[in-house]
Amino acid sequence: MIEQIQDFVSEQTAAITSKVKQIREESTTTVRDAVVESAGSIKSLKSPVRVIARSGVKLTSVSQTAVASLIELQSDVLTSALSDVALRLERAARADGIVDLVRDQYELAYATRGRVVEDAQRAMQIFKVAGRDMKGVATHVYETIVDTAEEKAAPVAKAAKRAKRKTKRVVRKAKTKTRARKTAKAA
């Protein structure tokens, strides 16, 4: 009886050892494949990094253009405001009476209002153009990076599923053989 138990233990040990060796070799292959794929993925990061760097340069250019336009607008607004104040003072100095003074200032109010509206419209146009340009850069970056990542992710996911199924199959076979030997020994 002890010999049978020792034989059974030896056979089981040999079977388990061979299965562990097989799983280890397959795992090593799977890990190597994963490492090779990871290296490829890391290499593929060069393109997105370049795209992001270039988009940073484009965004800087867009923002600099917008700021330059806003500074120019501010200069125009300040110049026209100073001219408007000077004109008001000149007219006030030339007024014959209080009625003329009020009438002149009232007429100039329409011109001032029109200038303020035009300046606000110019500012909105500057922001609109800058926003459109920034949206274009962001859209380009998103499309370039996300589309590339989705194209590369599909094969990697399929390979991982295949490797996982293969490992499960090997483990299942090992368990089945072990059960079969136990049943055969018991009989």
C-alpha atoms as a PDB file:
ATOM      1  CA  MET A   1       0.000   0.000   0.000  1.00  0.00           C
ATOM      2  CA  ILE A   2       2.820   2.425   0.863  1.00  0.00           C
ATOM      3  CA  GLU A   3       4.484   1.612  -2.461  1.00  0.00           C
ATOM      4  CA  GLN A   4       1.253   2.416  -4.293  1.00  0.00           C
ATOM      5  CA  ILE A   5       0.974   5.730  -2.462  1.00  0.00           C
ATOM      6  CA  GLN A   6       4.618   6.521  -3.233  1.00  0.00           C
ATOM      7  CA  ASP A   7       4.084   5.597  -6.914  1.00  0.00           C
ATOM      8  CA  PHE A   8       0.957   7.701  -7.014  1.00  0.00           C
ATOM      9  CA  VAL A   9       2.766  10.671  -5.401  1.00  0.00           C
ATOM     10  CA  SER A  10       5.721  10.257  -7.781  1.00  0.00           C
ATOM     11  CA  GLU A  11       3.448  10.150 -10.827  1.00  0.00           C
ATOM     12  CA  GLN A  12       1.473  13.142  -9.622  1.00  0.00           C
ATOM     13  CA  THR A  13       4.671  15.039  -8.871  1.00  0.00           C
ATOM     14  CA  ALA A  14       6.054  14.225 -12.326  1.00  0.00           C
ATOM     15  CA  ALA A  15       2.755  15.227 -13.999  1.00  0.00           C
ATOM     16  CA  ILE A  16       2.524  18.451 -12.054  1.00  0.00           C
ATOM     17  CA  THR A  17       6.198  19.212 -12.691  1.00  0.00           C
ATOM     18  CA  SER A  18       5.786  18.728 -16.437  1.00  0.00           C
ATOM     19  CA  LYS A  19       2.633  20.859 -16.476  1.00  0.00           C
ATOM     20  CA  VAL A  20       4.307  23.605 -14.433  1.00  0.00           C
ATOM     21  CA  LYS A  21       7.256  23.511 -16.816  1.00  0.00           C
ATOM     22  CA  GLN A  22       4.883  23.728 -19.787  1.00  0.00           C
ATOM     23  CA  ILE A  23       2.936  26.608 -18.221  1.00  0.00           C
ATOM     24  CA  ARG A  24       6.189  28.360 -17.289  1.00  0.00           C
ATOM     25  CA  GLU A  25       7.514  28.079 -20.849  1.00  0.00           C
ATOM     26  CA  GLU A  26       4.228  29.314 -22.291  1.00  0.00           C
ATOM     27  CA  SER A  27       4.121  32.101 -19.716  1.00  0.00           C
ATOM     28  CA  THR A  28       7.666  33.081 -20.641  1.00  0.00           C
ATOM     29  CA  THR A  29       6.663  33.224 -24.294  1.00  0.00           C
ATOM     30  CA  THR A  30       3.587  35.242 -23.427  1.00  0.00           C
ATOM     31  CA  VAL A  31       5.627  37.643 -21.288  1.00  0.00           C
ATOM     32  CA  ARG A  32       8.225  38.031 -24.030  1.00  0.00           C
ATOM     33  CA  ASP A  33       5.509  38.762 -26.563  1.00  0.00           C
ATOM     34  CA  ALA A  34       3.986  41.300 -24.173  1.00  0.00           C
ATOM     35  CA  VAL A  35       7.390  42.960 -23.637  1.00  0.00           C
ATOM     36  CA  VAL A  36       7.965  43.174 -27.399  1.00  0.00           C
ATOM     37  CA  GLU A  37       4.509  44.690 -27.853  1.00  0.00           C
ATOM     38  CA  SER A  38       5.175  47.122 -24.996  1.00  0.00           C
ATOM     39  CA  ALA A  39       8.425  48.199 -26.621  1.00  0.00           C
ATOM     40  CA  GLY A  40       6.509  48.811 -29.834  1.00  0.00           C
ATOM     41  CA  SER A  41       3.919  50.812 -27.922  1.00  0.00           C
ATOM     42  CA  ILE A  42       6.623  52.930 -26.314  1.00  0.00           C
ATOM     43  CA  LYS A  43       8.196  53.555 -29.708  1.00  0.00           C
ATOM     44  CA  SER A  44       4.810  54.575 -31.040  1.00  0.00           C
ATOM     45  CA  LEU A  45       4.614  57.329 -28.403  1.00  0.00           C
ATOM     46  CA  LYS A  46       7.099  59.387 -30.419  1.00  0.00           C
ATOM     47  CA  SER A  47       4.419  60.486 -32.829  1.00  0.00           C
ATOM     48  CA  PRO A  48       1.879  61.679 -30.215  1.00  0.00           C
ATOM     49  CA  VAL A  49       4.630  63.526 -28.341  1.00  0.00           C
ATOM     50  CA  ARG A  50       5.600  65.321 -31.547  1.00  0.00           C
ATOM     51  CA  VAL A  51       1.970  66.116 -32.307  1.00  0.00           C
ATOM     52  CA  ILE A  52       1.473  67.578 -28.832  1.00  0.00           C
ATOM     53  CA  ALA A  53       4.697  69.583 -29.072  1.00  0.00           C
ATOM     54  CA  ARG A  54       3.719  71.011 -32.460  1.00  0.00           C
ATOM     55  CA  SER A  55       0.243  71.793 -31.196  1.00  0.00           C
ATOM     56  CA  GLY A  56       1.803  73.642 -28.260  1.00  0.00           C
ATOM     57  CA  VAL A  57       3.735  75.779 -30.723  1.00  0.00           C
ATOM     58  CA  LYS A  58       0.551  76.412 -32.734  1.00  0.00           C
ATOM     59  CA  LEU A  59      -1.400  77.334 -29.583  1.00  0.00           C
ATOM     60  CA  THR A  60       1.372  79.714 -28.569  1.00  0.00           C
ATOM     61  CA  SER A  61       1.213  81.329 -31.996  1.00  0.00           C
ATOM     62  CA  VAL A  62      -2.571  81.646 -31.806  1.00  0.00           C
ATOM     63  CA  SER A  63      -2.447  83.178 -28.336  1.00  0.00           C
ATOM     64  CA  GLN A  64       0.343  85.582 -29.313  1.00  0.00           C
ATOM     65  CA  THR A  65      -1.640  86.726 -32.350  1.00  0.00           C
ATOM     66  CA  ALA A  66      -4.744  87.226 -30.211  1.00  0.00           C
ATOM     67  CA  VAL A  67      -2.823  89.153 -27.547  1.00  0.00           C
ATOM     68  CA  ALA A  68      -1.142  91.320 -30.210  1.00  0.00           C
ATOM     69  CA  SER A  69      -4.548  92.094 -31.727  1.00  0.00           C
ATOM     70  CA  LEU A  70      -5.977  92.921 -28.296  1.00  0.00           C
ATOM     71  CA  ILE A  71      -3.045  95.213 -27.507  1.00  0.00           C
ATOM     72  CA  GLU A  72      -3.533  96.970 -30.837  1.00  0.00           C
ATOM     73  CA  LEU A  73      -7.259  97.298 -30.098  1.00  0.00           C
ATOM     74  CA  GLN A  74      -6.518  98.674 -26.651  1.00  0.00           C
ATOM     75  CA  SER A  75      -4.163 101.226 -28.184  1.00  0.00           C
ATOM     76  CA  ASP A  76      -6.844 102.265 -30.701  1.00  0.00           C
ATOM     77  CA  VAL A  77      -9.472 102.490 -27.939  1.00  0.00           C
ATOM     78  CA  LEU A  78      -7.221 104.618 -25.770  1.00  0.00           C
ATOM     79  CA  THR A  79      -6.230 106.878 -28.671  1.00  0.00           C
ATOM     80  CA  SER A  80      -9.829 107.401 -29.763  1.00  0.00           C
ATOM     81  CA  ALA A  81     -10.939 108.001 -26.162  1.00  0.00           C
ATOM     82  CA  LEU A  82      -8.257 110.658 -25.745  1.00  0.00           C
ATOM     83  CA  SER A  83      -9.238 112.246 -29.059  1.00  0.00           C
ATOM     84  CA  ASP A  84     -12.880 112.180 -27.969  1.00  0.00           C
ATOM     85  CA  VAL A  85     -12.061 113.885 -24.659  1.00  0.00           C
ATOM     86  CA  ALA A  86      -9.999 116.521 -26.473  1.00  0.00           C
ATOM     87  CA  LEU A  87     -12.855 117.164 -28.930  1.00  0.00           C
ATOM     88  CA  ARG A  88     -15.344 117.495 -26.064  1.00  0.00           C
ATOM     89  CA  LEU A  89     -13.094 119.988 -24.300  1.00  0.00           C
ATOM     90  CA  GLU A  90     -12.605 122.008 -27.507  1.00  0.00           C
ATOM     91  CA  ARG A  91     -16.360 122.149 -28.120  1.00  0.00           C
ATOM     92  CA  ALA A  92     -16.987 123.076 -24.505  1.00  0.00           C
ATOM     93  CA  ALA A  93     -14.490 125.920 -24.830  1.00  0.00           C
ATOM     94  CA  ARG A  94     -16.211 127.177 -28.024  1.00  0.00           C
ATOM     95  CA  ALA A  95     -19.769 126.960 -26.642  1.00  0.00           C
ATOM     96  CA  ASP A  96     -21.610 130.280 -26.476  1.00  0.00           C
ATOM     97  CA  GLY A  97     -23.787 129.221 -23.598  1.00  0.00           C
ATOM     98  CA  ILE A  98     -25.013 126.360 -21.513  1.00  0.00           C
ATOM     99  CA  VAL A  99     -27.518 125.308 -24.200  1.00  0.00           C
ATOM    100  CA  ASP A 100     -24.794 125.020 -26.852  1.00  0.00           C
ATOM    101  CA  LEU A 101     -22.570 123.134 -24.413  1.00  0.00           C
ATOM    102  CA  VAL A 102     -25.261 120.578 -23.578  1.00  0.00           C
ATOM    103  CA  ARG A 103     -26.279 120.193 -27.256  1.00  0.00           C
ATOM    104  CA  ASP A 104     -22.647 119.608 -28.364  1.00  0.00           C
ATOM    105  CA  GLN A 105     -21.988 117.091 -25.592  1.00  0.00           C
ATOM    106  CA  TYR A 106     -25.239 115.296 -26.424  1.00  0.00           C
ATOM    107  CA  GLU A 107     -24.273 115.027 -30.124  1.00  0.00           C
ATOM    108  CA  LEU A 108     -20.858 113.693 -29.207  1.00  0.00           C
ATOM    109  CA  ALA A 109     -22.465 111.031 -26.992  1.00  0.00           C
ATOM    110  CA  TYR A 110     -23.849 109.280 -30.112  1.00  0.00           C
ATOM    111  CA  ALA A 111     -20.406 109.174 -31.683  1.00  0.00           C
ATOM    112  CA  THR A 112     -18.888 107.862 -28.472  1.00  0.00           C
ATOM    113  CA  ARG A 113     -21.547 105.171 -28.178  1.00  0.00           C
ATOM    114  CA  GLY A 114     -20.908 104.053 -31.794  1.00  0.00           C
ATOM    115  CA  ARG A 115     -17.162 103.914 -31.173  1.00  0.00           C
ATOM    116  CA  VAL A 116     -17.618 101.811 -28.019  1.00  0.00           C
ATOM    117  CA  VAL A 117     -19.880  99.365 -29.892  1.00  0.00           C
ATOM    118  CA  GLU A 118     -17.361  99.056 -32.749  1.00  0.00           C
ATOM    119  CA  ASP A 119     -14.537  98.444 -30.278  1.00  0.00           C
ATOM    120  CA  ALA A 120     -16.550  95.744 -28.508  1.00  0.00           C
ATOM    121  CA  GLN A 121     -17.325  94.090 -31.861  1.00  0.00           C
ATOM    122  CA  ARG A 122     -13.627  94.125 -32.781  1.00  0.00           C
ATOM    123  CA  ALA A 123     -12.766  92.517 -29.435  1.00  0.00           C
ATOM    124  CA  MET A 124     -15.394  89.819 -29.943  1.00  0.00           C
ATOM    125  CA  GLN A 125     -14.062  89.149 -33.449  1.00  0.00           C
ATOM    126  CA  ILE A 126     -10.541  88.729 -32.062  1.00  0.00           C
ATOM    127  CA  PHE A 127     -11.789  86.245 -29.441  1.00  0.00           C
ATOM    128  CA  LYS A 128     -13.899  84.442 -32.038  1.00  0.00           C
ATOM    129  CA  VAL A 129     -10.953  83.951 -34.403  1.00  0.00           C
ATOM    130  CA  ALA A 130      -8.649  82.872 -31.559  1.00  0.00           C
ATOM    131  CA  GLY A 131     -11.259  80.407 -30.282  1.00  0.00           C
ATOM    132  CA  ARG A 132     -11.791  78.947 -33.747  1.00  0.00           C
ATOM    133  CA  ASP A 133      -8.027  78.549 -34.245  1.00  0.00           C
ATOM    134  CA  MET A 134      -7.598  76.902 -30.829  1.00  0.00           C
ATOM    135  CA  LYS A 135     -10.488  74.559 -31.553  1.00  0.00           C
ATOM    136  CA  GLY A 136      -8.840  73.597 -34.838  1.00  0.00           C
ATOM    137  CA  VAL A 137      -5.558  72.771 -33.105  1.00  0.00           C
ATOM    138  CA  ALA A 138      -7.300  70.789 -30.358  1.00  0.00           C
ATOM    139  CA  THR A 139      -9.411  68.871 -32.868  1.00  0.00           C
ATOM    140  CA  HIS A 140      -6.349  67.996 -34.925  1.00  0.00           C
ATOM    141  CA  VAL A 141      -4.471  66.755 -31.848  1.00  0.00           C
ATOM    142  CA  TYR A 142      -7.444  64.737 -30.624  1.00  0.00           C
ATOM    143  CA  GLU A 143      -8.058  63.116 -33.994  1.00  0.00           C
ATOM    144  CA  THR A 144      -4.383  62.327 -34.497  1.00  0.00           C
ATOM    145  CA  ILE A 145      -3.792  60.819 -31.068  1.00  0.00           C
ATOM    146  CA  VAL A 146      -7.123  59.078 -30.406  1.00  0.00           C
ATOM    147  CA  ASP A 147      -7.503  57.595 -33.884  1.00  0.00           C
ATOM    148  CA  THR A 148      -3.928  56.294 -33.798  1.00  0.00           C
ATOM    149  CA  ALA A 149      -4.391  54.841 -30.308  1.00  0.00           C
ATOM    150  CA  GLU A 150      -7.657  53.116 -31.254  1.00  0.00           C
ATOM    151  CA  GLU A 151      -6.082  51.572 -34.348  1.00  0.00           C
ATOM    152  CA  LYS A 152      -3.176  50.181 -32.329  1.00  0.00           C
ATOM    153  CA  ALA A 153      -5.232  49.071 -29.313  1.00  0.00           C
ATOM    154  CA  ALA A 154      -7.416  46.590 -31.208  1.00  0.00           C
ATOM    155  CA  PRO A 155      -4.631  44.101 -32.165  1.00  0.00           C
ATOM    156  CA  VAL A 156      -3.039  44.280 -28.699  1.00  0.00           C
ATOM    157  CA  ALA A 157      -6.360  43.517 -26.991  1.00  0.00           C
ATOM    158  CA  LYS A 158      -6.970  40.546 -29.303  1.00  0.00           C
ATOM    159  CA  ALA A 159      -3.490  39.128 -28.629  1.00  0.00           C
ATOM    160  CA  ALA A 160      -3.992  39.455 -24.870  1.00  0.00           C
ATOM    161  CA  LYS A 161      -7.314  37.610 -25.055  1.00  0.00           C
ATOM    162  CA  ARG A 162      -5.734  34.819 -27.108  1.00  0.00           C
ATOM    163  CA  ALA A 163      -2.893  34.398 -24.608  1.00  0.00           C
ATOM    164  CA  LYS A 164      -5.313  34.333 -21.692  1.00  0.00           C
ATOM    165  CA  ARG A 165      -7.490  31.675 -23.374  1.00  0.00           C
ATOM    166  CA  LYS A 166      -4.428  29.566 -24.167  1.00  0.00           C
ATOM    167  CA  THR A 167      -3.257  29.670 -20.541  1.00  0.00           C
ATOM    168  CA  LYS A 168      -6.709  28.704 -19.279  1.00  0.00           C
ATOM    169  CA  ARG A 169      -6.796  25.783 -21.726  1.00  0.00           C
ATOM    170  CA  VAL A 170      -3.438  24.443 -20.493  1.00  0.00           C
ATOM    171  CA  VAL A 171      -4.519  24.684 -16.850  1.00  0.00           C
ATOM    172  CA  ARG A 172      -7.827  22.944 -17.627  1.00  0.00           C
ATOM    173  CA  LYS A 173      -6.045  20.078 -19.424  1.00  0.00           C
ATOM    174  CA  ALA A 174      -3.644  19.633 -16.519  1.00  0.00           C
ATOM    175  CA  LYS A 175      -6.515  19.419 -14.034  1.00  0.00           C
ATOM    176  CA  THR A 176      -8.396  16.948 -16.244  1.00  0.00           C
ATOM    177  CA  LYS A 177      -5.360  14.656 -16.584  1.00  0.00           C
ATOM    178  CA  THR A 178      -4.758  14.775 -12.832  1.00  0.00           C
ATOM    179  CA  ARG A 179      -8.360  13.791 -12.136  1.00  0.00           C
ATOM    180  CA  ALA A 180      -8.185  11.001 -14.693  1.00  0.00           C
ATOM    181  CA  ARG A 181      -5.061   9.551 -13.089  1.00  0.00           C
ATOM    182  CA  LYS A 182      -6.619   9.742  -9.640  1.00  0.00           C
ATOM    183  CA  THR A 183      -9.676   7.897 -10.906  1.00  0.00           C
ATOM    184  CA  ALA A 184      -7.529   5.284 -12.632  1.00  0.00           C
ATOM    185  CA  LYS A 185      -5.427   4.687  -9.507  1.00  0.00           C
ATOM    186  CA  ALA A 186      -8.508   4.471  -7.347  1.00  0.00           C
ATOM    187  CA  ALA A 187     -10.002   1.822  -9.593  1.00  0.00           C
END
